[in-house]
Protein backbone atom coordinates (compact mmCIF):
# COMPACT_ATOMS: atom_id res chain seq x y z
CA UNK A 1 87.82 -119.83 -101.83
CA UNK A 2 85.94 -116.93 -100.22
CA UNK A 3 86.15 -115.27 -96.83
CA UNK A 4 83.43 -115.01 -94.51
CA UNK A 5 82.82 -111.53 -92.82
CA UNK A 6 84.27 -111.47 -89.36
CA UNK A 7 81.55 -110.96 -86.57
CA UNK A 8 82.54 -109.14 -83.60
CA UNK A 9 80.68 -109.27 -80.45
CA UNK A 10 78.25 -106.42 -79.70
CA UNK A 11 79.65 -104.37 -76.76
CA UNK A 12 76.89 -103.87 -74.03
CA UNK A 13 75.95 -100.26 -73.58
CA UNK A 14 75.84 -99.39 -69.97
CA UNK A 15 72.91 -96.92 -69.37
CA UNK A 16 73.62 -93.73 -67.66
CA UNK A 17 72.37 -93.27 -64.18
CA UNK A 18 69.42 -90.87 -63.52
CA UNK A 19 69.74 -87.61 -61.69
CA UNK A 20 66.48 -86.47 -60.34
CA UNK A 21 66.34 -82.79 -59.27
CA UNK A 22 63.15 -82.04 -57.21
CA UNK A 23 61.51 -78.81 -57.53
CA UNK A 24 58.40 -76.94 -56.26
CA UNK A 25 58.86 -73.33 -55.69
CA UNK A 26 62.43 -72.23 -55.74
CA UNK A 27 63.77 -72.24 -59.23
CA UNK A 28 67.14 -73.56 -60.20
CA UNK A 29 69.81 -70.88 -60.62
CA UNK A 30 72.59 -72.89 -62.43
CA UNK A 31 72.85 -75.42 -65.24
CA UNK A 32 72.23 -79.07 -63.92
CA UNK A 33 74.75 -80.15 -66.44
CA UNK A 34 77.49 -78.32 -64.44
CA UNK A 35 77.03 -80.95 -61.72
CA UNK A 36 75.85 -83.93 -63.64
CA UNK A 37 77.89 -84.37 -66.80
CA UNK A 38 75.53 -85.27 -69.64
CA UNK A 39 78.07 -87.66 -70.90
CA UNK A 40 77.75 -89.63 -67.71
CA UNK A 41 74.23 -88.85 -66.40
CA UNK A 42 70.71 -88.35 -67.62
CA UNK A 43 69.14 -85.47 -65.68
CA UNK A 44 65.66 -84.69 -65.21
CA UNK A 45 63.65 -82.22 -63.09
CA UNK A 46 60.66 -83.44 -61.11
CA UNK A 47 58.20 -80.71 -60.16
CA UNK A 48 54.64 -80.33 -58.63
CA UNK A 49 54.55 -76.88 -60.24
CA UNK A 50 54.37 -75.42 -63.76
CA UNK A 51 57.39 -76.41 -66.05
CA UNK A 52 58.24 -72.84 -66.93
CA UNK A 53 58.97 -72.18 -63.07
CA UNK A 54 61.62 -74.64 -62.86
CA UNK A 55 64.73 -72.41 -64.08
CA UNK A 56 65.26 -68.73 -62.94
CA UNK A 57 65.20 -66.55 -66.07
CA UNK A 58 68.91 -65.80 -65.95
CA UNK A 59 70.03 -69.43 -65.20
CA UNK A 60 72.74 -70.47 -67.69
CA UNK A 61 72.52 -73.54 -70.03
CA UNK A 62 69.75 -75.15 -71.60
CA UNK A 63 66.40 -76.27 -70.18
CA UNK A 64 66.60 -79.81 -68.57
CA UNK A 65 63.94 -82.40 -69.31
CA UNK A 66 60.98 -81.59 -67.00
CA UNK A 67 58.35 -84.04 -65.64
CA UNK A 68 55.46 -82.88 -63.85
CA UNK A 69 53.58 -85.09 -61.17
CA UNK A 70 51.88 -84.53 -57.76
CA UNK A 71 54.09 -84.90 -54.83
CA UNK A 72 52.32 -88.16 -53.75
CA UNK A 73 53.16 -89.66 -57.19
CA UNK A 74 56.89 -88.75 -57.19
CA UNK A 75 58.18 -92.01 -55.91
CA UNK A 76 56.25 -93.89 -58.74
CA UNK A 77 57.55 -91.41 -61.17
CA UNK A 78 60.99 -91.79 -60.21
CA UNK A 79 60.76 -95.62 -60.37
CA UNK A 80 59.25 -95.29 -63.89
CA UNK A 81 61.83 -92.96 -65.29
CA UNK A 82 64.92 -94.83 -63.71
CA UNK A 83 63.79 -98.42 -64.49
CA UNK A 84 66.73 -100.73 -63.46
CA UNK A 85 69.36 -97.86 -63.54
CA UNK A 86 70.94 -96.22 -60.44
CA UNK A 87 69.43 -93.12 -59.42
CA UNK A 88 70.26 -90.02 -57.40
CA UNK A 89 67.52 -87.82 -55.87
CA UNK A 90 68.74 -84.16 -55.08
CA UNK A 91 67.32 -80.76 -54.60
CA UNK A 92 68.06 -77.07 -53.71
CA UNK A 93 64.47 -76.15 -53.10
CA UNK A 94 63.58 -75.27 -49.55
CA UNK A 95 60.11 -76.76 -50.11
CA UNK A 96 61.46 -80.12 -51.15
CA UNK A 97 64.08 -80.74 -48.65
CA UNK A 98 61.97 -83.19 -46.44
CA UNK A 99 60.46 -84.97 -49.49
CA UNK A 100 64.04 -85.47 -50.94
CA UNK A 101 65.16 -86.94 -47.51
CA UNK A 102 62.28 -89.36 -47.39
CA UNK A 103 62.60 -90.36 -51.25
CA UNK A 104 66.30 -90.88 -50.69
CA UNK A 105 65.52 -93.20 -47.80
CA UNK A 106 62.82 -94.94 -49.74
CA UNK A 107 65.16 -95.70 -52.66
CA UNK A 108 67.93 -96.90 -50.18
CA UNK A 109 70.00 -93.87 -50.83
CA UNK A 110 72.56 -92.60 -48.10
CA UNK A 111 71.25 -89.69 -46.02
CA UNK A 112 72.59 -86.38 -47.26
CA UNK A 113 70.32 -83.75 -45.78
CA UNK A 114 70.31 -82.85 -42.17
CA UNK A 115 69.29 -85.61 -39.90
CA UNK A 116 66.53 -83.28 -38.59
CA UNK A 117 65.58 -81.05 -41.60
CA UNK A 118 63.02 -79.22 -39.61
CA UNK A 119 65.77 -77.72 -37.44
CA UNK A 120 66.92 -75.79 -40.65
CA UNK A 121 63.31 -75.17 -41.89
CA UNK A 122 60.99 -74.24 -39.03
CA UNK A 123 61.91 -70.81 -37.64
CA UNK A 124 60.78 -71.42 -34.20
CA UNK A 125 62.48 -74.92 -33.77
CA UNK A 126 65.65 -73.28 -35.13
CA UNK A 127 65.59 -70.36 -32.70
CA UNK A 128 64.83 -72.60 -29.68
CA UNK A 129 67.82 -74.81 -30.50
CA UNK A 130 70.06 -71.73 -31.21
CA UNK A 131 69.15 -70.14 -28.02
CA UNK A 132 69.51 -73.32 -25.97
CA UNK A 133 73.16 -73.70 -27.36
CA UNK A 134 73.93 -69.89 -26.43
CA UNK A 135 73.65 -68.51 -30.01
CA UNK A 136 72.04 -65.01 -30.02
CA UNK A 137 68.88 -64.89 -31.79
CA UNK A 138 66.05 -62.21 -31.95
CA UNK A 139 63.34 -62.31 -29.14
CA UNK A 140 60.47 -64.20 -30.69
CA UNK A 141 57.01 -65.32 -29.81
CA UNK A 142 55.59 -68.59 -31.37
CA UNK A 143 51.80 -68.19 -32.07
CA UNK A 144 51.38 -71.99 -31.33
CA UNK A 145 47.58 -71.64 -30.93
CA UNK A 146 47.08 -69.57 -33.98
CA UNK A 147 47.08 -65.79 -34.51
CA UNK A 148 45.10 -64.29 -31.79
CA UNK A 149 42.55 -61.47 -32.18
CA UNK A 150 43.76 -57.89 -31.96
CA UNK A 151 42.40 -57.37 -28.49
CA UNK A 152 44.49 -60.17 -27.18
CA UNK A 153 47.36 -60.01 -29.65
CA UNK A 154 48.33 -56.35 -29.45
CA UNK A 155 49.20 -56.51 -25.68
CA UNK A 156 50.84 -59.86 -26.16
CA UNK A 157 53.23 -58.78 -28.87
CA UNK A 158 54.06 -55.32 -27.58
CA UNK A 159 54.44 -56.69 -24.05
CA UNK A 160 56.69 -59.67 -25.30
CA UNK A 161 58.49 -58.27 -28.35
CA UNK A 162 57.87 -54.59 -28.53
CA UNK A 163 57.57 -52.48 -31.76
CA UNK A 164 58.69 -52.47 -34.35
CA UNK A 165 58.20 -56.25 -34.78
CA UNK A 166 58.65 -58.69 -37.62
CA UNK A 167 55.88 -61.21 -38.46
CA UNK A 168 56.96 -64.39 -40.19
CA UNK A 169 55.65 -67.66 -41.32
CA UNK A 170 57.45 -70.46 -39.36
CA UNK A 171 58.13 -72.40 -42.64
CA UNK A 172 58.64 -70.20 -45.62
CA UNK A 173 61.70 -69.10 -47.60
CA UNK A 174 62.86 -66.01 -49.71
CA UNK A 175 61.04 -63.49 -47.30
CA UNK A 176 57.63 -64.80 -48.36
CA UNK A 177 55.05 -63.58 -46.02
CA UNK A 178 57.22 -61.49 -43.91
CA UNK A 179 55.86 -58.02 -42.72
CA UNK A 180 57.60 -55.41 -40.57
CA UNK A 181 55.04 -53.88 -38.12
CA UNK A 182 56.10 -50.54 -36.83
CA UNK A 183 53.04 -49.20 -35.15
CA UNK A 184 50.10 -50.46 -33.07
CA UNK A 185 47.59 -49.70 -35.76
CA UNK A 186 49.80 -51.83 -38.24
CA UNK A 187 50.07 -54.65 -35.82
CA UNK A 188 46.19 -54.49 -35.22
CA UNK A 189 45.45 -54.77 -38.91
CA UNK A 190 47.97 -57.71 -39.33
CA UNK A 191 46.50 -59.57 -36.42
CA UNK A 192 42.86 -58.99 -37.90
CA UNK A 193 43.87 -60.04 -41.37
CA UNK A 194 45.55 -63.34 -40.11
CA UNK A 195 43.39 -64.09 -37.05
CA UNK A 196 43.10 -67.89 -36.36
CA UNK A 197 45.85 -68.86 -38.89
CA UNK A 198 48.48 -71.19 -37.76
CA UNK A 199 52.10 -71.45 -38.54
CA UNK A 200 53.08 -67.83 -37.58
CA UNK A 201 55.78 -66.29 -35.18
CA UNK A 202 56.71 -62.71 -34.33
CA UNK A 203 60.18 -61.64 -33.61
CA UNK A 204 62.34 -58.66 -32.62
CA UNK A 205 63.00 -56.03 -35.17
CA UNK A 206 66.94 -55.85 -35.42
CA UNK A 207 68.55 -52.42 -36.09
CA UNK A 208 71.83 -53.08 -37.43
CA UNK A 209 73.78 -54.31 -40.55
CA UNK A 210 72.81 -57.46 -42.27
CA UNK A 211 75.11 -60.40 -43.40
CA UNK A 212 75.30 -63.86 -44.57
CA UNK A 213 77.95 -66.61 -44.05
CA UNK A 214 78.25 -69.85 -46.23
CA UNK A 215 79.89 -73.17 -45.40
CA UNK A 216 79.88 -76.74 -46.66
CA UNK A 217 78.88 -79.51 -44.17
CA UNK A 218 80.20 -82.90 -44.64
CA UNK A 219 79.54 -85.43 -42.01
CA UNK A 220 80.30 -83.05 -39.09
CA UNK A 221 83.09 -81.31 -40.85
CA UNK A 222 82.23 -77.51 -41.48
CA UNK A 223 84.35 -75.89 -44.35
CA UNK A 224 84.19 -72.06 -44.59
CA UNK A 225 83.41 -70.72 -48.03
CA UNK A 226 82.40 -66.95 -47.85
CA UNK A 227 81.03 -64.06 -45.91
CA UNK A 228 78.99 -61.31 -47.40
CA UNK A 229 77.19 -58.15 -46.40
CA UNK A 230 73.78 -57.01 -47.74
CA UNK A 231 72.60 -53.70 -48.93
CA UNK A 232 69.86 -54.06 -46.29
CA UNK A 233 66.90 -56.41 -45.40
CA UNK A 234 65.88 -58.64 -48.19
CA UNK A 235 62.29 -57.13 -48.40
CA UNK A 236 60.16 -54.49 -50.29
CA UNK A 237 61.49 -55.03 -54.04
CA UNK A 238 57.71 -54.83 -54.94
CA UNK A 239 57.76 -51.50 -53.27
CA UNK A 240 61.00 -50.31 -55.15
CA UNK A 241 63.73 -51.35 -52.68
CA UNK A 242 66.90 -52.28 -54.34
CA UNK A 243 68.44 -55.51 -53.09
CA UNK A 244 71.99 -56.79 -53.12
CA UNK A 245 75.26 -57.46 -51.43
CA UNK A 246 78.86 -58.06 -51.71
CA UNK A 247 81.64 -60.44 -50.32
CA UNK A 248 83.78 -59.81 -47.29
CA UNK A 249 87.58 -60.23 -47.69
CA UNK A 250 88.30 -63.78 -46.27
CA UNK A 251 90.95 -62.55 -43.85
CA UNK A 252 88.75 -60.06 -42.10
CA UNK A 253 87.54 -59.82 -38.55
CA UNK A 254 84.00 -60.04 -39.62
CA UNK A 255 84.58 -63.20 -41.80
CA UNK A 256 86.53 -64.82 -38.85
CA UNK A 257 83.52 -64.07 -36.45
CA UNK A 258 80.90 -65.07 -39.17
CA UNK A 259 82.62 -68.64 -39.66
CA UNK A 260 82.91 -69.04 -35.97
CA UNK A 261 79.08 -68.22 -35.66
CA UNK A 262 78.30 -70.68 -38.47
CA UNK A 263 80.32 -73.66 -36.55
CA UNK A 264 78.08 -72.88 -33.52
CA UNK A 265 74.87 -72.77 -35.65
CA UNK A 266 75.68 -76.34 -37.33
CA UNK A 267 76.66 -77.64 -33.92
CA UNK A 268 73.25 -76.72 -32.71
CA UNK A 269 70.92 -77.51 -35.47
CA UNK A 270 72.84 -80.72 -36.65
CA UNK A 271 75.91 -81.54 -38.60
CA UNK A 272 74.98 -84.90 -39.94
CA UNK A 273 74.83 -85.26 -43.75
CA UNK A 274 76.42 -83.35 -46.69
CA UNK A 275 74.91 -80.06 -47.67
CA UNK A 276 75.57 -76.34 -47.77
CA UNK A 277 74.57 -74.03 -44.90
CA UNK A 278 73.60 -70.53 -45.43
CA UNK A 279 73.21 -68.50 -42.19
CA UNK A 280 71.84 -64.95 -42.25
CA UNK A 281 72.77 -62.65 -39.32
CA UNK A 282 72.68 -59.10 -38.09
CA UNK A 283 75.27 -57.12 -36.35
CA UNK A 284 73.52 -54.99 -33.95
CA UNK A 285 74.44 -51.73 -32.12
CA UNK A 286 76.23 -53.75 -29.39
CA UNK A 287 78.30 -55.68 -31.94
CA UNK A 288 76.57 -58.83 -31.37
CA UNK A 289 76.11 -61.29 -34.18
CA UNK A 290 72.41 -62.12 -34.21
CA UNK A 291 71.33 -65.20 -36.21
CA UNK A 292 68.19 -64.12 -38.35
CA UNK A 293 67.59 -67.32 -40.28
CA UNK A 294 69.51 -70.45 -41.36
CA UNK A 295 69.00 -72.78 -44.28
CA UNK A 296 70.37 -76.32 -44.96
CA UNK A 297 70.79 -75.45 -48.65
CA UNK A 298 72.40 -73.15 -51.14
CA UNK A 299 71.37 -69.39 -50.85
CA UNK A 300 69.11 -67.53 -53.43
CA UNK A 301 69.76 -64.38 -55.33
CA UNK A 302 73.31 -64.33 -56.94
CA UNK A 303 74.98 -65.44 -53.61
CA UNK A 304 76.06 -68.78 -55.09
CA UNK A 305 77.59 -67.05 -58.08
CA UNK A 306 79.54 -64.66 -55.77
CA UNK A 307 80.99 -67.89 -54.22
CA UNK A 308 82.25 -68.92 -57.60
CA UNK A 309 84.02 -65.77 -58.16
CA UNK A 310 85.28 -65.32 -54.58
CA UNK A 311 85.96 -68.89 -53.40
CA UNK A 312 86.04 -71.02 -56.58
CA UNK A 313 82.92 -72.96 -56.38
CA UNK A 314 79.30 -72.25 -57.12
CA UNK A 315 77.27 -73.08 -53.76
CA UNK A 316 74.22 -74.32 -55.61
CA UNK A 317 76.32 -76.88 -57.78
CA UNK A 318 78.09 -77.80 -54.56
CA UNK A 319 75.04 -78.50 -52.71
CA UNK A 320 73.70 -80.79 -55.52
CA UNK A 321 77.09 -82.55 -55.74
CA UNK A 322 77.25 -83.19 -52.08
CA UNK A 323 73.92 -84.91 -52.12
CA UNK A 324 74.94 -87.17 -54.89
CA UNK A 325 78.44 -87.98 -53.53
CA UNK A 326 80.27 -86.14 -56.35
CA UNK A 327 83.48 -84.29 -56.18
CA UNK A 328 83.23 -80.65 -54.85
CA UNK A 329 86.08 -78.20 -55.33
CA UNK A 330 87.93 -77.19 -52.17
CA UNK A 331 87.03 -73.54 -51.55
CA UNK A 332 89.87 -71.11 -51.66
CA UNK A 333 90.31 -67.21 -51.78
CA UNK A 334 90.55 -66.22 -55.35
CA UNK A 335 91.61 -62.59 -54.70
CA UNK A 336 88.32 -61.51 -56.40
CA UNK A 337 85.68 -59.64 -54.62
CA UNK A 338 81.95 -59.98 -55.94
CA UNK A 339 78.77 -58.25 -55.63
CA UNK A 340 75.14 -58.41 -56.77
CA UNK A 341 72.26 -55.77 -57.21
CA UNK A 342 68.68 -56.37 -58.04
CA UNK A 343 66.96 -53.40 -59.67
CA UNK A 344 63.16 -53.34 -59.50
CA UNK A 345 61.07 -51.99 -62.35
CA UNK A 346 57.93 -50.33 -61.33
CA UNK A 347 54.60 -49.98 -63.13
CA UNK A 348 54.89 -47.97 -66.13
CA UNK A 349 58.64 -48.29 -66.35
CA UNK A 350 60.97 -50.17 -68.37
CA UNK A 351 64.86 -50.61 -68.73
CA UNK A 352 66.28 -47.23 -69.92
CA UNK A 353 69.91 -47.07 -68.92
CA UNK A 354 72.79 -49.09 -67.84
CA UNK A 355 75.49 -47.08 -65.96
CA UNK A 356 79.26 -47.60 -66.57
CA UNK A 357 81.28 -49.41 -64.03
CA UNK A 358 85.00 -50.13 -63.56
CA UNK A 359 84.41 -53.60 -62.30
CA UNK A 360 83.70 -56.53 -64.78
CA UNK A 361 79.82 -57.23 -64.77
CA UNK A 362 77.16 -59.45 -66.07
CA UNK A 363 73.94 -57.54 -66.58
CA UNK A 364 70.59 -59.48 -67.23
CA UNK A 365 67.72 -57.30 -68.19
CA UNK A 366 64.64 -59.37 -67.15
CA UNK A 367 61.45 -59.85 -69.31
CA UNK A 368 59.51 -57.55 -66.87
CA UNK A 369 61.78 -54.56 -67.77
CA UNK A 370 62.41 -55.25 -71.55
CA UNK A 371 58.98 -53.65 -72.24
CA UNK A 372 56.91 -51.27 -70.21
CA UNK A 373 55.99 -53.06 -67.03
CA UNK A 374 52.24 -53.44 -66.67
CA UNK A 375 52.09 -55.03 -63.25
CA UNK A 376 50.48 -53.49 -60.33
CA UNK A 377 53.69 -53.49 -58.24
CA UNK A 378 57.42 -53.57 -58.72
CA UNK A 379 59.06 -56.71 -60.18
CA UNK A 380 62.60 -57.62 -60.58
CA UNK A 381 63.75 -55.71 -63.74
CA UNK A 382 67.67 -55.85 -63.82
CA UNK A 383 70.05 -58.33 -62.40
CA UNK A 384 73.50 -57.19 -62.12
CA UNK A 385 76.67 -59.28 -61.13
CA UNK A 386 80.01 -57.21 -60.33
CA UNK A 387 83.50 -58.45 -59.69
CA UNK A 388 86.91 -56.94 -59.06
CA UNK A 389 90.06 -57.68 -57.14
CA UNK A 390 90.08 -54.17 -55.54
CA UNK A 391 87.19 -54.06 -52.83
CA UNK A 392 87.16 -50.17 -52.83
CA UNK A 393 86.57 -50.29 -56.73
CA UNK A 394 83.86 -52.77 -56.25
CA UNK A 395 82.22 -50.77 -53.52
CA UNK A 396 82.09 -47.89 -55.67
CA UNK A 397 80.55 -49.72 -58.49
CA UNK A 398 77.86 -51.18 -56.13
CA UNK A 399 76.93 -47.73 -54.95
CA UNK A 400 76.61 -46.81 -58.62
CA UNK A 401 74.39 -49.75 -59.39
CA UNK A 402 72.37 -49.20 -56.27
CA UNK A 403 71.63 -45.50 -56.90
CA UNK A 404 71.52 -44.92 -60.71
CA UNK A 405 68.22 -44.78 -62.52
CA UNK A 406 68.17 -48.01 -64.60
CA UNK A 407 64.51 -47.95 -65.21
CA UNK A 408 62.15 -45.23 -66.05
CA UNK A 409 58.97 -44.20 -67.77
């Protein structure tokens, strides 16, 4: 008598849900796998830009699968990629926030972005709402009828704002298009160069120290994460300015005031949804906290990584997780202070030297500085992340990083 083989029922394999990360202009700075575990998720990036623009050069991890499509085809592409699977649609790109909110609604996903994203995107609407709520903002002039000709514009700007003044697009990020106009000839030239264009505003030039404050927003509850100080305005890297900043001790008076400011900002702009809020502000000579800009997303540069070292969570990872309703660590002081410095490489230069520091550090020499830079203006050459438990030691190392000659001919 022979025995027949035992046939076991085939176990059904549940397909992994799909996470779609939208991208257009602001690259990812973190590994999507840190948020969407590959054992549980399939993750793709959907972009209307070039595939090689999706990740910042120093982003950790491997390159995710990238799909390119015009924005008006994104919904169709997501349906094709997802099939019958559950899907999450998320972004940390300023230029995708409104599209992401619309796509989430179209796919029946809960609203996670601010109920009125324009309040966090349009710099004029932003300042109007903040000012109405009693939050100090720069004096500003919305050029609602387009940029006027110099004959009309010079007296309008000088009489309303004064000089120096700062010209900004109403809807841009990462300091794109920002110009500091110090003299009437500079103002006249700017007006002539942009005459008739729409979407511009001019605001007061702030003389003081520049800072940021970051919080988590979850359905009306604002949770402080960190406060930081910038080396200076985030401008002019192509002209050779070094950019950077460092964390402020969580128990300091500045941190307390900054988080109170962020509470007021979120109350004015909208606390619905689940997202990171990044507020940039100046402390002027009168010791006023003046809001410069607000973003309903995680910050750029290395600020998200500072939060991981200083408060135990990466802000970009947290922002993606909040949108997908995934767990987010509770921020807490780690006892570590952290800093970042970006070193430009100028035409004809390359990275030549890395100075010694006491703080632990992560140094990334960008492609532009690995060989002689052939561009016509400065480019980001060296990215430096520093951390230490002693803020005085960290401050000394920031000074070193911000003054030493990293690049040369």
